[in-house]
Amino acid sequence: MSKKNKPTNQKEMSFIEKARRTQIVECAIETIAELGYAQASLGQIAKRANISKGVISYHFANKEELLEQIPIEYYLAWQAYVAPRIEAQTSPKEMLRVYIESNLSFIDENRQHVIAVIETVSNMRTADGKLQFAEDHDEAILLPIENILTLGMQQGIFREFTRSSARVMALTIRHAIDGFTLELVRKPHLDVQEYARELVTIFDKTTKK
């Protein structure tokens, strides 16, 4: 399909293109979750979407542009899920509890997307060989935890943290959540609520004043 064949109705075109792009990204997620990053060719994704490779090429410049949407859309969905739940709390202690619980719930409810994100961020590299999402991903994920820790410290609820020790604690909390992600991939029947309760207990004890 060539660009000159696009519909002249901009509103209709935008709606159709958005829906098609969403479908293609969802099929990419399913393909990577099932086959892995290396085997997720445009041909495999097109087959799952029941479209031609040309349709994918119409919406995405190349495979890399398509696959980079997987962690981007995951982050946006994660943010939309977690942020309002945290903002609804008034106590830093409750914010931290809700951060942990809502992260684990989101992971549990989006298992295929989680697997696809793990595969993608572990494999996509820039032209100079660096992991494409590593640095930006860390900052975007860790900052909300550090903000909660800082607020709790200012209110006298959490113990004192230096800037560097707050980063260590934020990393520890995040790694515990990410460890759950990998464990859930290996053990799909893991008791999510029990895991969440234990993490909340652990970090309640390690952050309290």
Protein backbone atom coordinates (compact mmCIF):
# COMPACT_ATOMS: atom_id res chain seq x y z
CA MET A 1 0.00 0.00 0.00
CA SER A 2 1.49 3.35 -1.01
CA LYS A 3 1.02 6.60 0.85
CA LYS A 4 -0.76 8.11 -2.15
CA ASN A 5 -3.53 5.58 -1.58
CA LYS A 6 -4.28 6.89 1.93
CA PRO A 7 -7.90 7.97 2.54
CA THR A 8 -8.54 11.65 2.06
CA ASN A 9 -10.69 11.83 5.21
CA GLN A 10 -8.10 12.70 7.87
CA LYS A 11 -10.29 11.70 10.82
CA GLU A 12 -11.09 8.31 9.28
CA MET A 13 -7.45 7.78 8.32
CA SER A 14 -6.23 8.61 11.81
CA PHE A 15 -8.70 6.24 13.44
CA ILE A 16 -7.97 3.39 11.03
CA GLU A 17 -4.21 3.86 11.23
CA LYS A 18 -4.25 4.02 15.01
CA ALA A 19 -6.31 0.84 15.23
CA ARG A 20 -4.06 -0.96 12.75
CA ARG A 21 -0.88 0.15 14.53
CA THR A 22 -2.33 -1.07 17.83
CA GLN A 23 -3.18 -4.42 16.26
CA ILE A 24 0.32 -4.81 14.84
CA VAL A 25 1.99 -3.95 18.16
CA GLU A 26 -0.28 -6.41 20.00
CA CYS A 27 0.64 -9.13 17.51
CA ALA A 28 4.32 -8.29 17.94
CA ILE A 29 3.90 -8.69 21.71
CA GLU A 30 2.21 -12.07 21.26
CA THR A 31 4.87 -13.22 18.78
CA ILE A 32 7.80 -12.25 21.00
CA ALA A 33 6.15 -13.75 24.08
CA GLU A 34 5.74 -17.04 22.23
CA LEU A 35 8.83 -17.21 20.01
CA GLY A 36 11.35 -14.84 21.59
CA TYR A 37 12.94 -11.67 20.27
CA ALA A 38 15.29 -13.31 17.75
CA GLN A 39 12.54 -15.33 16.09
CA ALA A 40 9.99 -12.51 15.96
CA SER A 41 10.40 -11.61 12.30
CA LEU A 42 8.09 -9.24 10.46
CA GLY A 43 6.85 -12.29 8.59
CA GLN A 44 5.86 -14.03 11.81
CA ILE A 45 4.17 -10.89 13.14
CA ALA A 46 2.31 -10.35 9.85
CA LYS A 47 1.16 -13.97 9.85
CA ARG A 48 -0.25 -13.62 13.36
CA ALA A 49 -2.00 -10.37 12.41
CA ASN A 50 -3.31 -11.97 9.19
CA ILE A 51 -1.85 -9.15 7.09
CA SER A 52 1.01 -8.79 4.64
CA LYS A 53 4.49 -7.57 5.58
CA GLY A 54 3.76 -4.58 3.36
CA VAL A 55 1.01 -3.44 5.70
CA ILE A 56 3.50 -3.44 8.58
CA SER A 57 5.99 -1.50 6.47
CA TYR A 58 3.29 1.07 5.73
CA HIS A 59 2.86 1.80 9.44
CA PHE A 60 6.42 1.24 10.69
CA ALA A 61 9.69 2.13 8.95
CA ASN A 62 11.34 -1.15 10.02
CA LYS A 63 11.28 -3.93 12.59
CA GLU A 64 13.19 -1.83 15.11
CA GLU A 65 10.64 0.99 15.00
CA LEU A 66 7.85 -1.51 15.56
CA LEU A 67 9.52 -3.38 18.42
CA GLU A 68 10.57 -0.24 20.27
CA GLN A 69 6.87 0.51 20.70
CA ILE A 70 6.55 -2.53 22.96
CA PRO A 71 8.41 -1.10 26.01
CA ILE A 72 7.16 2.42 25.27
CA GLU A 73 3.51 1.35 25.33
CA TYR A 74 4.13 -0.86 28.36
CA TYR A 75 5.60 2.08 30.26
CA LEU A 76 2.68 4.34 29.34
CA ALA A 77 0.15 1.70 30.41
CA TRP A 78 2.11 1.04 33.62
CA GLN A 79 2.20 4.73 34.43
CA ALA A 80 -1.54 5.12 33.80
CA TYR A 81 -2.24 2.14 36.08
CA VAL A 82 0.15 2.85 38.96
CA ALA A 83 0.33 6.65 39.21
CA PRO A 84 -3.36 7.36 40.06
CA ARG A 85 -3.32 4.68 42.75
CA ILE A 86 -0.29 6.22 44.42
CA GLU A 87 -1.64 9.77 44.07
CA ALA A 88 -4.84 8.71 45.85
CA GLN A 89 -2.84 8.03 49.02
CA THR A 90 -1.96 10.69 51.61
CA SER A 91 0.69 8.84 53.62
CA PRO A 92 4.15 7.98 52.20
CA LYS A 93 3.86 4.60 53.94
CA GLU A 94 0.65 3.88 52.05
CA MET A 95 2.16 5.23 48.84
CA LEU A 96 5.00 2.72 49.12
CA ARG A 97 2.58 -0.11 49.88
CA VAL A 98 0.40 0.80 46.92
CA TYR A 99 3.44 1.19 44.66
CA ILE A 100 4.50 -2.37 45.42
CA GLU A 101 1.02 -3.89 45.25
CA SER A 102 -0.05 -2.08 42.08
CA ASN A 103 3.18 -2.97 40.29
CA LEU A 104 2.74 -6.65 41.06
CA SER A 105 -0.93 -6.53 40.03
CA PHE A 106 -0.07 -4.80 36.77
CA ILE A 107 2.59 -7.39 35.99
CA ASP A 108 0.15 -10.20 36.81
CA GLU A 109 -2.52 -8.73 34.51
CA ASN A 110 -0.13 -8.12 31.59
CA ARG A 111 1.99 -11.25 31.49
CA GLN A 112 2.48 -11.50 27.73
CA HIS A 113 3.46 -7.85 27.49
CA VAL A 114 5.89 -8.30 30.37
CA ILE A 115 7.65 -11.19 28.63
CA ALA A 116 7.83 -9.20 25.40
CA VAL A 117 9.29 -6.19 27.23
CA ILE A 118 11.94 -8.32 28.95
CA GLU A 119 12.94 -9.83 25.61
CA THR A 120 12.96 -6.46 23.85
CA VAL A 121 14.86 -4.34 26.38
CA SER A 122 17.41 -7.14 26.81
CA ASN A 123 18.12 -7.34 23.09
CA MET A 124 17.50 -3.99 21.36
CA ARG A 125 20.75 -2.09 20.94
CA THR A 126 21.79 1.23 19.47
CA ALA A 127 24.16 1.54 16.50
CA ASP A 128 27.14 1.65 18.89
CA GLY A 129 26.06 -1.55 20.65
CA LYS A 130 24.54 -0.11 23.84
CA LEU A 131 21.24 -1.36 25.20
CA GLN A 132 18.69 1.07 23.83
CA PHE A 133 16.38 1.38 26.81
CA ALA A 134 18.75 0.86 29.75
CA GLU A 135 19.44 4.38 31.04
CA ASP A 136 16.09 6.06 30.36
CA HIS A 137 14.24 3.02 31.67
CA ASP A 138 16.09 3.07 35.00
CA GLU A 139 15.51 6.75 35.67
CA ALA A 140 11.82 6.68 34.78
CA ILE A 141 11.20 3.64 36.98
CA LEU A 142 13.30 4.61 40.00
CA LEU A 143 12.32 8.27 40.36
CA PRO A 144 8.78 7.62 41.72
CA ILE A 145 10.21 5.37 44.46
CA GLU A 146 12.86 7.92 45.41
CA ASN A 147 10.18 10.63 45.59
CA ILE A 148 8.14 8.50 48.00
CA LEU A 149 11.20 7.83 50.16
CA THR A 150 12.10 11.52 50.22
CA LEU A 151 8.56 12.53 51.19
CA GLY A 152 8.45 9.93 53.94
CA MET A 153 11.78 11.11 55.29
CA GLN A 154 10.64 14.75 55.26
CA GLN A 155 7.49 13.82 57.19
CA GLY A 156 9.46 11.84 59.77
CA ILE A 157 7.81 8.55 58.78
CA PHE A 158 10.81 6.95 57.09
CA ARG A 159 14.35 6.80 58.40
CA GLU A 160 17.01 9.16 57.08
CA PHE A 161 18.28 8.54 53.55
CA THR A 162 21.12 10.24 51.76
CA ARG A 163 20.74 10.77 48.04
CA SER A 164 22.86 7.71 47.31
CA SER A 165 21.22 5.48 49.95
CA ALA A 166 17.77 6.46 48.65
CA ARG A 167 18.89 5.24 45.22
CA VAL A 168 20.10 1.98 46.77
CA MET A 169 16.73 1.46 48.47
CA ALA A 170 14.84 2.36 45.30
CA LEU A 171 16.95 -0.12 43.35
CA THR A 172 16.33 -2.81 45.96
CA ILE A 173 12.56 -2.28 45.84
CA ARG A 174 12.56 -2.28 42.05
CA HIS A 175 14.75 -5.37 41.82
CA ALA A 176 12.41 -7.21 44.19
CA ILE A 177 9.51 -6.34 41.89
CA ASP A 178 11.46 -7.32 38.78
CA GLY A 179 12.50 -10.54 40.50
CA PHE A 180 8.82 -11.32 40.94
CA THR A 181 8.39 -10.75 37.20
CA LEU A 182 10.98 -13.39 36.33
CA GLU A 183 9.62 -15.78 38.97
CA LEU A 184 6.11 -15.39 37.58
CA VAL A 185 7.38 -16.26 34.10
CA ARG A 186 8.89 -19.46 35.50
CA LYS A 187 6.01 -20.22 37.87
CA PRO A 188 2.72 -18.97 36.39
CA HIS A 189 0.70 -20.17 39.40
CA LEU A 190 2.67 -18.08 41.89
CA ASP A 191 0.51 -16.59 44.67
CA VAL A 192 0.73 -12.91 43.73
CA GLN A 193 -1.08 -11.61 46.82
CA GLU A 194 1.16 -13.53 49.21
CA TYR A 195 4.25 -12.27 47.40
CA ALA A 196 2.95 -8.70 47.60
CA ARG A 197 2.20 -8.97 51.33
CA GLU A 198 5.70 -10.23 52.02
CA LEU A 199 7.37 -7.47 50.01
CA VAL A 200 5.24 -4.81 51.72
CA THR A 201 6.25 -6.22 55.13
CA ILE A 202 9.94 -6.32 54.21
CA PHE A 203 10.10 -2.75 52.95
CA ASP A 204 7.89 -1.41 55.71
CA LYS A 205 10.46 -2.71 58.22
CA THR A 206 13.51 -1.52 56.26
CA THR A 207 12.24 2.03 55.66
CA LYS A 208 10.61 2.84 59.01
CA LYS A 209 12.22 5.39 61.29
